[in-house]
Every structure is written in structure tokens, then in C-alpha cells.
Amino acid sequence: MIHDNKPRQNLNQLIDRMNNGMIKVITGLRRSGKSFLMNRIFYNYLKSIGIDDEHIVLVQLDVEENERLLDRHVLADYLREQIKDDGQYYLFLDEIQEVDGFETVLNSFLRRDNVDLYVTGSNSRFLSTDIKTELRGRCDEDHPLKL
């Protein structure tokens, strides 16, 4: 686990885990920098290595304009609509614990070869060991990025 907030070290850990077939989980208290790391620093890294905007899907689930996406079926449909070809896609789901049944959505997208999945979460349910069981060994549970 990471216990410091050095942005470069945290970025390097995300880079090392790219395309490993697992959910990259960034946990921590609200306002600890999770969203900034994923949505700004890692996003900018992906752009710098030539990833097109269309292949980076960012969904912030704690803002009013995305309230409809809090239904797991609507979220899954929305994400499927964003994946338009066989190219590699990077899905960023910010504050995923806001979606009841999010585990089903995450598991379904991990079955796609062209999806690399990154999530942030901050409440006690998301941080619990029960989530590891529910995600059936599909998250980077041994080394969560903890801010």
C-alpha cells in the first residue's frame, strides 16, 4: 500500500499496473487526491503516450449531472455505448461506491479484452474486505493504491 502522497510515485504505480487484467483501485478519504490522481495526472499521462480522448472514458459518479448513471444498468449501458471499436479503452469510474451493485458492472467490463478499469472509492463499504470477495479476485487487491 502507498502511504504517501507523492504524485509521481503514485503515477508510476498506476503505470506499472496498466493492462494487467485487474481493476485498479484507488482508495482513501474524501478530498485525499484520488480523483486528481486518476482524472488529471493519469489521464494526462495517457494523453502523453498517444491515447485518444475517445478511448478514455471518465465518469464522475458524485456529481448531479451523472445522477442517472447511479443505476447500475444505466451505467453499464452508457459504458458499452462509449466503447465503439476494438481499440484499448481506459475506464475511469470516480466514486464507484455511489452505484448500488457496482460489482456486477465492474466484473462485466473486466471480461472485455480491450478495457482497462480504474476506480476510486472512499466509504467504509468500498474499503471493506467484503468487496474483495464480491469482485472475485478481479481487483488489484493485494496492492491497492491508498491515499
C-alpha atoms as a PDB file:
ATOM      1  CA  MET A   1       0.000   0.000   0.000  1.00  0.00           C
ATOM      2  CA  ILE A   2       1.070   3.546  -0.647  1.00  0.00           C
ATOM      3  CA  HIS A   3       1.081   5.768   2.420  1.00  0.00           C
ATOM      4  CA  ASP A   4       2.473   8.960   0.968  1.00  0.00           C
ATOM      5  CA  ASN A   5       1.029  11.461  -1.459  1.00  0.00           C
ATOM      6  CA  LYS A   6       3.925  11.854  -3.872  1.00  0.00           C
ATOM      7  CA  PRO A   7       2.125  12.233  -7.196  1.00  0.00           C
ATOM      8  CA  ARG A   8       4.962  10.825  -9.322  1.00  0.00           C
ATOM      9  CA  GLN A   9       5.309   7.675  -7.207  1.00  0.00           C
ATOM     10  CA  ASN A  10       1.540   7.130  -7.317  1.00  0.00           C
ATOM     11  CA  LEU A  11       1.514   7.688 -11.079  1.00  0.00           C
ATOM     12  CA  ASN A  12       4.325   5.174 -11.528  1.00  0.00           C
ATOM     13  CA  GLN A  13       2.344   2.579  -9.609  1.00  0.00           C
ATOM     14  CA  LEU A  14      -0.655   3.100 -11.898  1.00  0.00           C
ATOM     15  CA  ILE A  15       1.588   2.885 -14.969  1.00  0.00           C
ATOM     16  CA  ASP A  16       3.094  -0.379 -13.685  1.00  0.00           C
ATOM     17  CA  ARG A  17      -0.413  -1.855 -13.392  1.00  0.00           C
ATOM     18  CA  MET A  18      -1.727  -0.796 -16.781  1.00  0.00           C
ATOM     19  CA  ASN A  19      -3.467  -3.524 -18.772  1.00  0.00           C
ATOM     20  CA  ASN A  20      -2.891  -6.167 -16.074  1.00  0.00           C
ATOM     21  CA  GLY A  21      -6.431  -7.535 -16.386  1.00  0.00           C
ATOM     22  CA  MET A  22      -7.445  -6.317 -12.951  1.00  0.00           C
ATOM     23  CA  ILE A  23      -9.373  -3.382 -11.540  1.00  0.00           C
ATOM     24  CA  LYS A  24      -7.005  -0.698 -10.363  1.00  0.00           C
ATOM     25  CA  VAL A  25      -8.473   0.504  -7.067  1.00  0.00           C
ATOM     26  CA  ILE A  26      -7.572   3.893  -5.600  1.00  0.00           C
ATOM     27  CA  THR A  27      -8.933   4.285  -2.090  1.00  0.00           C
ATOM     28  CA  GLY A  28      -8.792   6.940   0.560  1.00  0.00           C
ATOM     29  CA  LEU A  29     -10.742   9.545   2.426  1.00  0.00           C
ATOM     30  CA  ARG A  30     -12.728  12.155   0.549  1.00  0.00           C
ATOM     31  CA  ARG A  31     -10.562  15.037  -0.660  1.00  0.00           C
ATOM     32  CA  SER A  32      -7.350  12.984  -0.355  1.00  0.00           C
ATOM     33  CA  GLY A  33      -6.381  13.323  -4.024  1.00  0.00           C
ATOM     34  CA  LYS A  34      -7.793  10.100  -5.522  1.00  0.00           C
ATOM     35  CA  SER A  35      -9.793  11.815  -8.233  1.00  0.00           C
ATOM     36  CA  PHE A  36      -6.978  14.233  -9.039  1.00  0.00           C
ATOM     37  CA  LEU A  37      -4.530  11.354  -9.446  1.00  0.00           C
ATOM     38  CA  MET A  38      -6.820   9.386 -11.743  1.00  0.00           C
ATOM     39  CA  ASN A  39      -8.682  12.125 -13.604  1.00  0.00           C
ATOM     40  CA  ARG A  40      -5.865  14.599 -14.093  1.00  0.00           C
ATOM     41  CA  ILE A  41      -2.405  13.099 -13.569  1.00  0.00           C
ATOM     42  CA  PHE A  42      -3.008   9.612 -15.019  1.00  0.00           C
ATOM     43  CA  TYR A  43      -5.320  10.995 -17.725  1.00  0.00           C
ATOM     44  CA  ASN A  44      -2.568  13.412 -18.820  1.00  0.00           C
ATOM     45  CA  TYR A  45      -0.069  10.543 -18.848  1.00  0.00           C
ATOM     46  CA  LEU A  46      -2.317   8.508 -21.142  1.00  0.00           C
ATOM     47  CA  LYS A  47      -2.672  11.504 -23.471  1.00  0.00           C
ATOM     48  CA  SER A  48       1.119  11.980 -23.472  1.00  0.00           C
ATOM     49  CA  ILE A  49       1.660   8.423 -24.736  1.00  0.00           C
ATOM     50  CA  GLY A  50      -0.829   8.908 -27.564  1.00  0.00           C
ATOM     51  CA  ILE A  51      -4.108   7.569 -26.197  1.00  0.00           C
ATOM     52  CA  ASP A  52      -7.044   9.325 -27.917  1.00  0.00           C
ATOM     53  CA  ASP A  53      -9.667  11.131 -25.837  1.00  0.00           C
ATOM     54  CA  GLU A  54     -12.309   8.808 -27.271  1.00  0.00           C
ATOM     55  CA  HIS A  55     -10.564   5.848 -25.642  1.00  0.00           C
ATOM     56  CA  ILE A  56     -10.509   7.391 -22.161  1.00  0.00           C
ATOM     57  CA  VAL A  57     -13.933   7.269 -20.537  1.00  0.00           C
ATOM     58  CA  LEU A  58     -14.251   9.271 -17.333  1.00  0.00           C
ATOM     59  CA  VAL A  59     -17.408   9.046 -15.230  1.00  0.00           C
ATOM     60  CA  GLN A  60     -17.670  11.075 -12.034  1.00  0.00           C
ATOM     61  CA  LEU A  61     -20.447   9.451 -10.027  1.00  0.00           C
ATOM     62  CA  ASP A  62     -20.670  12.021  -7.253  1.00  0.00           C
ATOM     63  CA  VAL A  63     -21.910  14.919  -9.394  1.00  0.00           C
ATOM     64  CA  GLU A  64     -25.515  15.816 -10.137  1.00  0.00           C
ATOM     65  CA  GLU A  65     -25.185  15.715 -13.923  1.00  0.00           C
ATOM     66  CA  ASN A  66     -24.365  11.990 -13.716  1.00  0.00           C
ATOM     67  CA  GLU A  67     -27.134  11.101 -11.288  1.00  0.00           C
ATOM     68  CA  ARG A  68     -28.873   8.897 -13.866  1.00  0.00           C
ATOM     69  CA  LEU A  69     -25.705   6.763 -14.032  1.00  0.00           C
ATOM     70  CA  LEU A  70     -26.144   5.721 -10.391  1.00  0.00           C
ATOM     71  CA  ASP A  71     -28.411   2.944 -11.677  1.00  0.00           C
ATOM     72  CA  ARG A  72     -26.015   0.101 -12.484  1.00  0.00           C
ATOM     73  CA  HIS A  73     -27.939  -0.880 -15.624  1.00  0.00           C
ATOM     74  CA  VAL A  74     -27.869   2.668 -16.976  1.00  0.00           C
ATOM     75  CA  LEU A  75     -24.155   2.945 -16.139  1.00  0.00           C
ATOM     76  CA  ALA A  76     -23.357  -0.334 -17.894  1.00  0.00           C
ATOM     77  CA  ASP A  77     -25.334   0.711 -20.976  1.00  0.00           C
ATOM     78  CA  TYR A  78     -23.592   4.089 -21.029  1.00  0.00           C
ATOM     79  CA  LEU A  79     -20.141   2.476 -20.792  1.00  0.00           C
ATOM     80  CA  ARG A  80     -20.962  -0.022 -23.559  1.00  0.00           C
ATOM     81  CA  GLU A  81     -22.026   2.896 -25.792  1.00  0.00           C
ATOM     82  CA  GLN A  82     -18.636   4.558 -25.250  1.00  0.00           C
ATOM     83  CA  ILE A  83     -16.699   1.511 -26.466  1.00  0.00           C
ATOM     84  CA  LYS A  84     -17.033   1.914 -30.212  1.00  0.00           C
ATOM     85  CA  ASP A  85     -14.226  -0.243 -31.617  1.00  0.00           C
ATOM     86  CA  ASP A  86     -11.678  -2.925 -30.737  1.00  0.00           C
ATOM     87  CA  GLY A  87      -9.047  -0.418 -29.558  1.00  0.00           C
ATOM     88  CA  GLN A  88      -7.887  -0.301 -25.944  1.00  0.00           C
ATOM     89  CA  TYR A  89     -10.204   1.704 -23.662  1.00  0.00           C
ATOM     90  CA  TYR A  90      -9.439   3.128 -20.241  1.00  0.00           C
ATOM     91  CA  LEU A  91     -12.499   3.420 -17.993  1.00  0.00           C
ATOM     92  CA  PHE A  92     -12.218   5.781 -15.028  1.00  0.00           C
ATOM     93  CA  LEU A  93     -15.106   5.416 -12.568  1.00  0.00           C
ATOM     94  CA  ASP A  94     -14.809   8.018  -9.850  1.00  0.00           C
ATOM     95  CA  GLU A  95     -16.555   7.295  -6.507  1.00  0.00           C
ATOM     96  CA  ILE A  96     -17.916   3.946  -7.725  1.00  0.00           C
ATOM     97  CA  GLN A  97     -19.419   3.129  -4.322  1.00  0.00           C
ATOM     98  CA  GLU A  98     -22.252   5.545  -5.186  1.00  0.00           C
ATOM     99  CA  VAL A  99     -23.688   2.843  -7.501  1.00  0.00           C
ATOM    100  CA  ASP A 100     -25.638   0.036  -5.848  1.00  0.00           C
ATOM    101  CA  GLY A 101     -24.437  -3.238  -7.329  1.00  0.00           C
ATOM    102  CA  PHE A 102     -21.318  -1.694  -8.864  1.00  0.00           C
ATOM    103  CA  GLU A 103     -19.517  -5.044  -8.517  1.00  0.00           C
ATOM    104  CA  THR A 104     -21.628  -6.522 -11.323  1.00  0.00           C
ATOM    105  CA  VAL A 105     -20.768  -3.638 -13.637  1.00  0.00           C
ATOM    106  CA  LEU A 106     -17.049  -3.916 -12.880  1.00  0.00           C
ATOM    107  CA  ASN A 107     -16.974  -7.676 -13.354  1.00  0.00           C
ATOM    108  CA  SER A 108     -18.790  -7.445 -16.687  1.00  0.00           C
ATOM    109  CA  PHE A 109     -16.295  -4.957 -18.115  1.00  0.00           C
ATOM    110  CA  LEU A 110     -13.289  -6.935 -16.922  1.00  0.00           C
ATOM    111  CA  ARG A 111     -14.377  -9.698 -19.260  1.00  0.00           C
ATOM    112  CA  ARG A 112     -13.625  -7.424 -22.214  1.00  0.00           C
ATOM    113  CA  ASP A 113     -10.083  -7.738 -23.555  1.00  0.00           C
ATOM    114  CA  ASN A 114      -9.925  -4.108 -24.657  1.00  0.00           C
ATOM    115  CA  VAL A 115     -10.893  -2.486 -21.333  1.00  0.00           C
ATOM    116  CA  ASP A 116      -8.544  -1.342 -18.580  1.00  0.00           C
ATOM    117  CA  LEU A 117     -10.535  -0.350 -15.497  1.00  0.00           C
ATOM    118  CA  TYR A 118      -9.678   2.222 -12.808  1.00  0.00           C
ATOM    119  CA  VAL A 119     -11.939   3.119  -9.891  1.00  0.00           C
ATOM    120  CA  THR A 120     -11.875   5.366  -6.860  1.00  0.00           C
ATOM    121  CA  GLY A 121     -13.818   4.817  -3.679  1.00  0.00           C
ATOM    122  CA  SER A 122     -13.953   6.380  -0.281  1.00  0.00           C
ATOM    123  CA  ASN A 123     -16.588   4.959   2.033  1.00  0.00           C
ATOM    124  CA  SER A 124     -16.289   2.157   4.564  1.00  0.00           C
ATOM    125  CA  ARG A 125     -18.260  -0.326   2.437  1.00  0.00           C
ATOM    126  CA  PHE A 126     -15.948   0.144  -0.504  1.00  0.00           C
ATOM    127  CA  LEU A 127     -12.885  -0.166   1.681  1.00  0.00           C
ATOM    128  CA  SER A 128     -14.143  -3.329   3.373  1.00  0.00           C
ATOM    129  CA  THR A 129     -12.710  -6.765   2.732  1.00  0.00           C
ATOM    130  CA  ASP A 130     -16.169  -7.883   1.539  1.00  0.00           C
ATOM    131  CA  ILE A 131     -15.578  -6.013  -1.699  1.00  0.00           C
ATOM    132  CA  LYS A 132     -12.582  -8.218  -2.451  1.00  0.00           C
ATOM    133  CA  THR A 133     -14.846 -11.259  -2.209  1.00  0.00           C
ATOM    134  CA  GLU A 134     -17.584  -9.660  -4.298  1.00  0.00           C
ATOM    135  CA  LEU A 135     -15.123  -8.777  -7.036  1.00  0.00           C
ATOM    136  CA  ARG A 136     -13.951 -12.377  -7.071  1.00  0.00           C
ATOM    137  CA  GLY A 137     -10.230 -11.722  -7.163  1.00  0.00           C
ATOM    138  CA  ARG A 138     -10.516  -9.340 -10.103  1.00  0.00           C
ATOM    139  CA  CYS A 139      -9.229  -6.208  -8.368  1.00  0.00           C
ATOM    140  CA  ASP A 140      -5.656  -5.327  -7.621  1.00  0.00           C
ATOM    141  CA  GLU A 141      -6.486  -6.162  -4.018  1.00  0.00           C
ATOM    142  CA  ASP A 142      -3.003  -7.040  -2.860  1.00  0.00           C
ATOM    143  CA  HIS A 143      -1.692  -3.608  -3.742  1.00  0.00           C
ATOM    144  CA  PRO A 144      -4.489  -1.039  -3.641  1.00  0.00           C
ATOM    145  CA  LEU A 145      -3.367   2.489  -4.245  1.00  0.00           C
ATOM    146  CA  LYS A 146      -4.295   4.089  -0.930  1.00  0.00           C
ATOM    147  CA  LEU A 147      -4.075   7.821  -0.422  1.00  0.00           C
END
